[in-house]
Amino acid sequence: MTEITRKINKWEWIVFSLVLLSLLIGLYVVYGVGVKSFEENYVVEDGLVEYGSALFLLAIGIYCFYKTANYRKRHPVWWLVGTIGLGLLFIFGAGEEVSWGQRLLGFETPDALKEINRQDEVTLHNIRIGDFDVNKIIFSKLLTAILIFYFTIYPLLYRGVAWIKKLTNALGIPVPQWHHTIFFLIATLIALLIPSEKKWELHEFVFSAIFFVIFLFPFNKSQID
């Protein structure tokens, strides 16, 4: 454990501390004040937690485009495709998190989208068509499976399977260090102590922040920067 903590730089400690503080505040609010206060004040839409998640996701997207502008001559075309793709993915996530600024700008949801969006918003993750709920199936179950794979199995595959390592580096995909994995699992366990379905809003902030430090300080940094 001492060897792992030595690898954590001060910027990672700052982000980890911020994440831990947000979780401890969440625990205090839900157990000390009440679940209703947690849901209606702490993880409320357009609140600090939601905008914090969006800012971290946006920062990752911007960083990806910064890399394509400054490091593109060092890498093959597939690195450019992968890095731009990741940048677009995280900017999309940031936009979805705040409903593409709909509540800030005050524009209306198109009628066709109102019929299939369970929150009447300009978002894809709240679309429900019959029994198919995009948020439940893709952004909950599928995303959870992807996160578990990415933080636990993928680092092992990268270290042990030559072609996966080569493909990962060629596409510019950042690989989490073990302290990223350990902190993510600890933070997730803490979030699970919160007796509210809205705890996943806080968990979104957790993984957005941890992904931010992974992109800045990945295990394979020397290979993809």
Protein backbone atom coordinates (compact mmCIF):
# COMPACT_ATOMS: atom_id res chain seq x y z
CA MET A 1 0.00 0.00 0.00
CA THR A 2 2.88 2.37 0.78
CA GLU A 3 4.29 1.76 -2.71
CA ILE A 4 0.91 2.61 -4.24
CA THR A 5 0.50 5.86 -2.28
CA ARG A 6 3.94 7.00 -3.40
CA LYS A 7 2.70 6.94 -7.00
CA ILE A 8 -0.15 9.35 -6.26
CA ASN A 9 0.80 12.91 -7.12
CA LYS A 10 -0.55 16.03 -5.44
CA TRP A 11 -3.15 16.74 -8.13
CA GLU A 12 -4.60 13.28 -7.75
CA TRP A 13 -4.70 13.73 -3.97
CA ILE A 14 -6.60 17.00 -4.46
CA VAL A 15 -9.24 15.35 -6.69
CA PHE A 16 -9.47 12.28 -4.44
CA SER A 17 -9.94 14.55 -1.41
CA LEU A 18 -12.70 16.46 -3.21
CA VAL A 19 -14.47 13.21 -4.07
CA LEU A 20 -14.15 11.89 -0.52
CA LEU A 21 -15.44 15.18 0.88
CA SER A 22 -18.48 15.08 -1.43
CA LEU A 23 -19.27 11.54 -0.25
CA LEU A 24 -18.87 12.40 3.44
CA ILE A 25 -21.13 15.43 3.02
CA GLY A 26 -23.66 13.19 1.30
CA LEU A 27 -23.56 10.73 4.21
CA TYR A 28 -23.94 13.55 6.72
CA VAL A 29 -26.91 15.07 4.89
CA VAL A 30 -28.76 11.78 4.37
CA TYR A 31 -28.24 10.47 7.92
CA GLY A 32 -27.99 13.72 9.83
CA VAL A 33 -30.64 15.79 8.08
CA GLY A 34 -32.70 13.33 6.07
CA VAL A 35 -33.12 11.57 2.76
CA LYS A 36 -35.49 14.28 1.52
CA SER A 37 -32.88 16.97 2.07
CA PHE A 38 -30.26 14.83 0.34
CA GLU A 39 -32.48 14.41 -2.72
CA GLU A 40 -33.97 17.90 -2.89
CA ASN A 41 -30.94 19.96 -1.90
CA TYR A 42 -27.66 18.09 -2.22
CA VAL A 43 -28.06 16.08 -5.45
CA VAL A 44 -30.79 18.24 -6.94
CA GLU A 45 -30.79 18.88 -10.69
CA ASP A 46 -28.71 21.95 -11.62
CA GLY A 47 -26.93 21.65 -8.28
CA LEU A 48 -23.22 21.57 -7.45
CA VAL A 49 -22.95 17.79 -7.75
CA GLU A 50 -24.53 17.66 -11.21
CA TYR A 51 -22.53 20.59 -12.54
CA GLY A 52 -19.38 19.18 -10.96
CA SER A 53 -19.90 15.96 -12.92
CA ALA A 54 -20.47 17.91 -16.13
CA LEU A 55 -17.36 20.04 -15.61
CA PHE A 56 -15.11 17.03 -15.09
CA LEU A 57 -16.54 15.32 -18.19
CA LEU A 58 -16.16 18.50 -20.22
CA ALA A 59 -12.58 18.91 -18.99
CA ILE A 60 -11.74 15.38 -20.16
CA GLY A 61 -13.20 16.14 -23.59
CA ILE A 62 -11.24 19.38 -23.87
CA TYR A 63 -8.05 17.60 -22.78
CA CYS A 64 -8.53 14.98 -25.50
CA PHE A 65 -8.79 17.69 -28.15
CA TYR A 66 -5.78 19.45 -26.64
CA LYS A 67 -3.84 16.21 -27.12
CA THR A 68 -4.94 15.84 -30.73
CA ALA A 69 -3.79 19.39 -31.45
CA ASN A 70 -0.40 19.02 -29.78
CA TYR A 71 0.60 15.34 -29.96
CA ARG A 72 -0.91 14.16 -33.26
CA LYS A 73 2.45 14.05 -35.07
CA ARG A 74 3.79 11.51 -32.55
CA HIS A 75 1.15 8.88 -33.24
CA PRO A 76 -0.53 6.96 -36.08
CA VAL A 77 -3.94 7.87 -37.46
CA TRP A 78 -5.75 5.36 -35.23
CA TRP A 79 -4.51 7.23 -32.16
CA LEU A 80 -6.09 10.38 -33.60
CA VAL A 81 -9.37 8.54 -34.24
CA GLY A 82 -9.42 7.06 -30.73
CA THR A 83 -8.53 10.29 -28.95
CA ILE A 84 -11.05 12.37 -30.88
CA GLY A 85 -13.66 9.67 -30.29
CA LEU A 86 -13.03 9.75 -26.54
CA GLY A 87 -13.19 13.55 -26.56
CA LEU A 88 -16.57 13.51 -28.29
CA LEU A 89 -17.84 10.79 -25.94
CA PHE A 90 -17.04 12.78 -22.81
CA ILE A 91 -18.37 16.05 -24.23
CA PHE A 92 -21.57 14.17 -25.05
CA GLY A 93 -21.66 12.95 -21.43
CA ALA A 94 -21.22 16.50 -20.15
CA GLY A 95 -24.04 17.76 -22.36
CA GLU A 96 -26.38 14.98 -21.30
CA GLU A 97 -25.59 15.66 -17.63
CA VAL A 98 -26.98 19.20 -17.82
CA SER A 99 -29.62 18.51 -20.50
CA TRP A 100 -27.53 20.46 -23.02
CA GLY A 101 -28.14 23.66 -21.09
CA GLN A 102 -31.89 23.46 -21.63
CA ARG A 103 -32.85 24.72 -18.17
CA LEU A 104 -30.23 27.47 -18.28
CA LEU A 105 -31.17 28.68 -21.76
CA GLY A 106 -34.89 27.99 -21.40
CA PHE A 107 -35.56 26.38 -24.77
CA GLU A 108 -38.46 23.98 -25.25
CA THR A 109 -38.30 20.24 -25.81
CA PRO A 110 -39.52 19.26 -29.31
CA ASP A 111 -42.93 17.57 -29.22
CA ALA A 112 -41.62 14.37 -30.78
CA LEU A 113 -39.02 14.06 -28.01
CA LYS A 114 -41.53 14.89 -25.27
CA GLU A 115 -43.51 11.78 -26.18
CA ILE A 116 -40.59 9.44 -25.52
CA ASN A 117 -38.54 11.33 -22.94
CA ARG A 118 -39.70 10.57 -19.39
CA GLN A 119 -38.43 13.94 -18.08
CA ASP A 120 -39.52 16.07 -21.07
CA GLU A 121 -35.90 17.08 -21.67
CA VAL A 122 -33.53 17.31 -24.62
CA THR A 123 -31.57 14.24 -23.55
CA LEU A 124 -31.03 10.77 -24.92
CA HIS A 125 -30.49 8.98 -21.61
CA ASN A 126 -34.05 9.70 -20.44
CA ILE A 127 -35.70 8.21 -23.53
CA ARG A 128 -38.13 5.36 -22.94
CA ILE A 129 -39.89 3.55 -25.77
CA GLY A 130 -42.31 0.97 -24.45
CA ASP A 131 -40.40 -1.27 -22.07
CA PHE A 132 -37.03 -0.11 -23.40
CA ASP A 133 -35.58 2.42 -20.96
CA VAL A 134 -32.30 3.87 -22.26
CA ASN A 135 -31.22 5.10 -18.84
CA LYS A 136 -31.90 1.80 -17.08
CA ILE A 137 -30.47 -0.51 -19.74
CA ILE A 138 -27.59 1.46 -21.26
CA PHE A 139 -26.63 4.14 -18.74
CA SER A 140 -27.14 1.95 -15.69
CA LYS A 141 -26.67 -1.77 -16.35
CA LEU A 142 -24.34 -1.52 -19.35
CA LEU A 143 -22.33 1.37 -17.94
CA THR A 144 -21.92 -0.43 -14.62
CA ALA A 145 -20.59 -3.52 -16.41
CA ILE A 146 -18.20 -1.37 -18.46
CA LEU A 147 -16.89 0.42 -15.35
CA ILE A 148 -16.29 -2.84 -13.48
CA PHE A 149 -14.46 -4.26 -16.50
CA TYR A 150 -12.43 -1.09 -17.08
CA PHE A 151 -11.26 -0.71 -13.49
CA THR A 152 -10.58 -4.37 -12.64
CA ILE A 153 -10.10 -6.65 -15.64
CA TYR A 154 -8.84 -4.25 -18.32
CA PRO A 155 -5.65 -3.22 -16.43
CA LEU A 156 -4.79 -6.92 -16.05
CA LEU A 157 -5.39 -7.59 -19.75
CA TYR A 158 -3.27 -4.59 -20.69
CA ARG A 159 -0.39 -5.86 -18.58
CA GLY A 160 -0.68 -9.48 -19.64
CA VAL A 161 -1.90 -9.63 -23.25
CA ALA A 162 0.46 -8.15 -25.84
CA TRP A 163 -2.10 -7.45 -28.59
CA ILE A 164 -4.48 -5.70 -26.16
CA LYS A 165 -1.61 -3.51 -24.97
CA LYS A 166 -0.68 -2.67 -28.55
CA LEU A 167 -4.27 -1.89 -29.56
CA THR A 168 -4.88 0.18 -26.42
CA ASN A 169 -1.82 2.34 -27.05
CA ALA A 170 -2.59 2.63 -30.76
CA LEU A 171 -6.07 4.01 -29.97
CA GLY A 172 -4.79 6.27 -27.18
CA ILE A 173 -6.97 4.68 -24.49
CA PRO A 174 -5.80 5.56 -20.96
CA VAL A 175 -5.37 2.62 -18.57
CA PRO A 176 -6.13 3.20 -14.87
CA GLN A 177 -3.38 2.75 -12.32
CA TRP A 178 -4.12 0.46 -9.39
CA HIS A 179 -4.61 3.38 -6.99
CA HIS A 180 -7.33 4.67 -9.34
CA THR A 181 -9.04 1.29 -9.15
CA ILE A 182 -8.71 1.07 -5.36
CA PHE A 183 -10.10 4.55 -4.81
CA PHE A 184 -12.97 3.99 -7.25
CA LEU A 185 -14.00 0.81 -5.43
CA ILE A 186 -13.77 2.49 -2.01
CA ALA A 187 -15.77 5.49 -3.23
CA THR A 188 -18.41 3.20 -4.74
CA LEU A 189 -18.78 1.28 -1.48
CA ILE A 190 -19.24 4.55 0.41
CA ALA A 191 -21.88 5.70 -2.11
CA LEU A 192 -23.77 2.44 -1.64
CA LEU A 193 -24.25 3.33 2.04
CA ILE A 194 -26.61 6.11 1.01
CA PRO A 195 -30.25 4.87 1.22
CA SER A 196 -31.56 6.76 -1.80
CA GLU A 197 -31.79 6.04 -5.51
CA LYS A 198 -30.40 9.53 -6.04
CA LYS A 199 -27.06 8.30 -4.72
CA TRP A 200 -26.21 7.47 -8.33
CA GLU A 201 -26.10 11.20 -9.06
CA LEU A 202 -23.30 11.42 -6.52
CA HIS A 203 -21.68 8.32 -7.96
CA GLU A 204 -21.65 9.99 -11.38
CA PHE A 205 -19.62 12.80 -9.83
CA VAL A 206 -17.26 10.21 -8.34
CA PHE A 207 -16.47 8.41 -11.59
CA SER A 208 -16.33 11.68 -13.56
CA ALA A 209 -13.66 13.00 -11.20
CA ILE A 210 -11.69 9.73 -11.17
CA PHE A 211 -11.80 9.48 -14.96
CA PHE A 212 -10.39 13.01 -15.04
CA VAL A 213 -7.26 11.97 -13.13
CA ILE A 214 -6.99 8.74 -15.14
CA PHE A 215 -6.84 10.73 -18.38
CA LEU A 216 -4.23 13.07 -16.91
CA PHE A 217 -2.12 10.36 -15.23
CA PRO A 218 -2.80 6.97 -16.84
CA PHE A 219 -0.64 3.89 -16.34
CA ASN A 220 0.35 4.04 -20.02
CA LYS A 221 0.99 7.81 -20.13
CA SER A 222 4.36 7.50 -21.85
CA GLN A 223 2.73 5.43 -24.62
CA ILE A 224 -0.29 7.58 -25.45
CA ASP A 225 0.90 11.17 -24.86
